[in-house]
Amino acid sequence: MRATAWDLGEAEALLLVRMTRAGDADNALEQGWFLRELRERFGLSGEELSKRFGRTPSRVSRRLALVAELPESVHAHVRVGSIGAHAAMKYLVPLARANRADAEPDLPAIKQPAR
């Protein structure tokens, strides 16, 4: 058996594991939850997260907003695909920021059509 020992802190180890799992594509919610964990637990800024993942600060911000600004009821719709993650980030997050009560609009009006 071969093993490799790397002298890394916990945050760096988590990032490394995530980067080596490139074939296991996470959905937007999973990405947002992971980014939020790194930000809250390890104090990584949005700028630092964007550099480490090779993504724009805007993309990191949108993923963080998806999990931070929207209620669980919207997350449930995103998870099953009845609301697209892009639509939730683009349209529902700004509504939630302006008025939390608007974060749960008439969902049938924005759900994706059945395929």
C-alpha atoms as a PDB file:
ATOM      1  CA  MET A   1       0.000   0.000   0.000  1.00  0.00           C
ATOM      2  CA  ARG A   2       1.227   3.466  -0.834  1.00  0.00           C
ATOM      3  CA  ALA A   3       0.284   6.611   0.976  1.00  0.00           C
ATOM      4  CA  THR A   4       1.117  10.244   0.592  1.00  0.00           C
ATOM      5  CA  ALA A   5       1.262  12.574   3.551  1.00  0.00           C
ATOM      6  CA  TRP A   6       0.662  16.246   2.872  1.00  0.00           C
ATOM      7  CA  ASP A   7       1.331  18.936   5.406  1.00  0.00           C
ATOM      8  CA  LEU A   8      -1.903  20.914   4.979  1.00  0.00           C
ATOM      9  CA  GLY A   9      -4.291  22.755   7.200  1.00  0.00           C
ATOM     10  CA  GLU A  10      -7.917  21.664   7.317  1.00  0.00           C
ATOM     11  CA  ALA A  11      -9.141  24.332   4.865  1.00  0.00           C
ATOM     12  CA  GLU A  12      -6.429  23.479   2.335  1.00  0.00           C
ATOM     13  CA  ALA A  13      -7.182  19.752   2.695  1.00  0.00           C
ATOM     14  CA  LEU A  14     -10.885  20.340   2.042  1.00  0.00           C
ATOM     15  CA  LEU A  15     -10.069  22.436  -1.001  1.00  0.00           C
ATOM     16  CA  LEU A  16      -7.696  19.780  -2.306  1.00  0.00           C
ATOM     17  CA  VAL A  17     -10.264  17.017  -1.899  1.00  0.00           C
ATOM     18  CA  ARG A  18     -12.879  19.120  -3.671  1.00  0.00           C
ATOM     19  CA  MET A  19     -10.505  19.902  -6.531  1.00  0.00           C
ATOM     20  CA  THR A  20      -9.573  16.230  -7.008  1.00  0.00           C
ATOM     21  CA  ARG A  21     -13.262  15.357  -7.241  1.00  0.00           C
ATOM     22  CA  ALA A  22     -13.588  17.342 -10.468  1.00  0.00           C
ATOM     23  CA  GLY A  23     -15.505  14.490 -12.120  1.00  0.00           C
ATOM     24  CA  ASP A  24     -18.176  14.586  -9.420  1.00  0.00           C
ATOM     25  CA  ALA A  25     -19.982  17.732 -10.473  1.00  0.00           C
ATOM     26  CA  ASP A  26     -21.758  19.380  -7.567  1.00  0.00           C
ATOM     27  CA  ASN A  27     -24.952  21.251  -8.150  1.00  0.00           C
ATOM     28  CA  ALA A  28     -25.220  24.969  -7.420  1.00  0.00           C
ATOM     29  CA  LEU A  29     -26.629  24.410  -3.918  1.00  0.00           C
ATOM     30  CA  GLU A  30     -23.836  22.019  -2.974  1.00  0.00           C
ATOM     31  CA  GLN A  31     -21.279  24.500  -4.267  1.00  0.00           C
ATOM     32  CA  GLY A  32     -22.928  27.261  -2.263  1.00  0.00           C
ATOM     33  CA  TRP A  33     -23.000  25.203   0.923  1.00  0.00           C
ATOM     34  CA  PHE A  34     -19.322  24.307   0.515  1.00  0.00           C
ATOM     35  CA  LEU A  35     -18.343  27.930  -0.146  1.00  0.00           C
ATOM     36  CA  ARG A  36     -20.378  29.100   2.840  1.00  0.00           C
ATOM     37  CA  GLU A  37     -18.669  26.531   5.066  1.00  0.00           C
ATOM     38  CA  LEU A  38     -15.227  27.699   3.938  1.00  0.00           C
ATOM     39  CA  ARG A  39     -16.175  31.337   4.459  1.00  0.00           C
ATOM     40  CA  GLU A  40     -17.779  30.895   7.879  1.00  0.00           C
ATOM     41  CA  ARG A  41     -15.536  28.212   9.346  1.00  0.00           C
ATOM     42  CA  PHE A  42     -12.178  29.334   7.990  1.00  0.00           C
ATOM     43  CA  GLY A  43     -12.786  33.030   7.370  1.00  0.00           C
ATOM     44  CA  LEU A  44     -11.994  32.883   3.647  1.00  0.00           C
ATOM     45  CA  SER A  45     -13.200  35.969   1.795  1.00  0.00           C
ATOM     46  CA  GLY A  46     -15.192  35.872  -1.423  1.00  0.00           C
ATOM     47  CA  GLU A  47     -12.097  37.100  -3.251  1.00  0.00           C
ATOM     48  CA  GLU A  48      -9.951  34.327  -1.751  1.00  0.00           C
ATOM     49  CA  LEU A  49     -12.577  31.709  -2.607  1.00  0.00           C
ATOM     50  CA  SER A  50     -12.783  32.939  -6.193  1.00  0.00           C
ATOM     51  CA  LYS A  51      -8.994  32.717  -6.555  1.00  0.00           C
ATOM     52  CA  ARG A  52      -8.779  29.242  -5.053  1.00  0.00           C
ATOM     53  CA  PHE A  53     -11.546  27.863  -7.274  1.00  0.00           C
ATOM     54  CA  GLY A  54     -10.581  29.744 -10.409  1.00  0.00           C
ATOM     55  CA  ARG A  55     -14.038  31.338 -10.593  1.00  0.00           C
ATOM     56  CA  THR A  56     -15.107  34.933 -10.804  1.00  0.00           C
ATOM     57  CA  PRO A  57     -16.014  36.754  -7.600  1.00  0.00           C
ATOM     58  CA  SER A  58     -19.476  37.209  -9.080  1.00  0.00           C
ATOM     59  CA  ARG A  59     -19.992  33.451  -9.463  1.00  0.00           C
ATOM     60  CA  VAL A  60     -18.867  32.828  -5.891  1.00  0.00           C
ATOM     61  CA  SER A  61     -21.169  35.594  -4.665  1.00  0.00           C
ATOM     62  CA  ARG A  62     -24.149  34.154  -6.562  1.00  0.00           C
ATOM     63  CA  ARG A  63     -23.579  30.671  -5.110  1.00  0.00           C
ATOM     64  CA  LEU A  64     -23.281  32.095  -1.610  1.00  0.00           C
ATOM     65  CA  ALA A  65     -26.438  34.167  -2.091  1.00  0.00           C
ATOM     66  CA  LEU A  66     -28.356  31.124  -3.287  1.00  0.00           C
ATOM     67  CA  VAL A  67     -27.851  29.379   0.050  1.00  0.00           C
ATOM     68  CA  ALA A  68     -27.815  32.443   2.308  1.00  0.00           C
ATOM     69  CA  GLU A  69     -30.650  34.571   0.960  1.00  0.00           C
ATOM     70  CA  LEU A  70     -33.276  32.052  -0.091  1.00  0.00           C
ATOM     71  CA  PRO A  71     -35.473  29.987   2.224  1.00  0.00           C
ATOM     72  CA  GLU A  72     -35.367  26.210   2.418  1.00  0.00           C
ATOM     73  CA  SER A  73     -38.652  25.960   0.503  1.00  0.00           C
ATOM     74  CA  VAL A  74     -36.940  27.464  -2.552  1.00  0.00           C
ATOM     75  CA  HIS A  75     -33.891  25.214  -2.019  1.00  0.00           C
ATOM     76  CA  ALA A  76     -36.236  22.215  -2.180  1.00  0.00           C
ATOM     77  CA  HIS A  77     -37.548  23.358  -5.577  1.00  0.00           C
ATOM     78  CA  VAL A  78     -34.006  23.914  -6.850  1.00  0.00           C
ATOM     79  CA  ARG A  79     -32.923  20.455  -5.637  1.00  0.00           C
ATOM     80  CA  VAL A  80     -35.668  18.676  -7.563  1.00  0.00           C
ATOM     81  CA  GLY A  81     -35.243  20.903 -10.608  1.00  0.00           C
ATOM     82  CA  SER A  82     -38.648  22.560 -10.606  1.00  0.00           C
ATOM     83  CA  ILE A  83     -36.834  25.897 -10.295  1.00  0.00           C
ATOM     84  CA  GLY A  84     -33.513  26.285 -12.053  1.00  0.00           C
ATOM     85  CA  ALA A  85     -30.577  27.389  -9.916  1.00  0.00           C
ATOM     86  CA  HIS A  86     -29.789  30.146 -12.394  1.00  0.00           C
ATOM     87  CA  ALA A  87     -33.343  31.505 -12.210  1.00  0.00           C
ATOM     88  CA  ALA A  88     -33.270  31.382  -8.409  1.00  0.00           C
ATOM     89  CA  MET A  89     -29.964  33.260  -8.293  1.00  0.00           C
ATOM     90  CA  LYS A  90     -30.934  35.817 -10.923  1.00  0.00           C
ATOM     91  CA  TYR A  91     -34.530  36.561  -9.969  1.00  0.00           C
ATOM     92  CA  LEU A  92     -35.362  35.284  -6.484  1.00  0.00           C
ATOM     93  CA  VAL A  93     -32.209  36.394  -4.655  1.00  0.00           C
ATOM     94  CA  PRO A  94     -32.764  40.079  -5.551  1.00  0.00           C
ATOM     95  CA  LEU A  95     -36.401  39.759  -4.440  1.00  0.00           C
ATOM     96  CA  ALA A  96     -35.316  38.198  -1.151  1.00  0.00           C
ATOM     97  CA  ARG A  97     -32.783  40.957  -0.560  1.00  0.00           C
ATOM     98  CA  ALA A  98     -35.373  43.657  -1.201  1.00  0.00           C
ATOM     99  CA  ASN A  99     -38.145  42.044   0.821  1.00  0.00           C
ATOM    100  CA  ARG A 100     -37.742  38.713   2.583  1.00  0.00           C
ATOM    101  CA  ALA A 101     -41.452  37.992   2.171  1.00  0.00           C
ATOM    102  CA  ASP A 102     -40.992  38.123  -1.614  1.00  0.00           C
ATOM    103  CA  ALA A 103     -38.458  35.292  -1.495  1.00  0.00           C
ATOM    104  CA  GLU A 104     -41.306  32.820  -1.911  1.00  0.00           C
ATOM    105  CA  PRO A 105     -43.208  34.226  -4.881  1.00  0.00           C
ATOM    106  CA  ASP A 106     -45.933  32.396  -6.732  1.00  0.00           C
ATOM    107  CA  LEU A 107     -43.715  29.398  -7.443  1.00  0.00           C
ATOM    108  CA  PRO A 108     -45.878  27.855 -10.181  1.00  0.00           C
ATOM    109  CA  ALA A 109     -45.270  31.002 -12.242  1.00  0.00           C
ATOM    110  CA  ILE A 110     -41.497  30.470 -12.293  1.00  0.00           C
ATOM    111  CA  LYS A 111     -41.122  26.706 -12.216  1.00  0.00           C
ATOM    112  CA  GLN A 112     -39.447  25.051 -15.152  1.00  0.00           C
ATOM    113  CA  PRO A 113     -41.774  23.176 -17.490  1.00  0.00           C
ATOM    114  CA  ALA A 114     -41.835  19.388 -17.203  1.00  0.00           C
ATOM    115  CA  ARG A 115     -39.555  17.666 -19.668  1.00  0.00           C
END
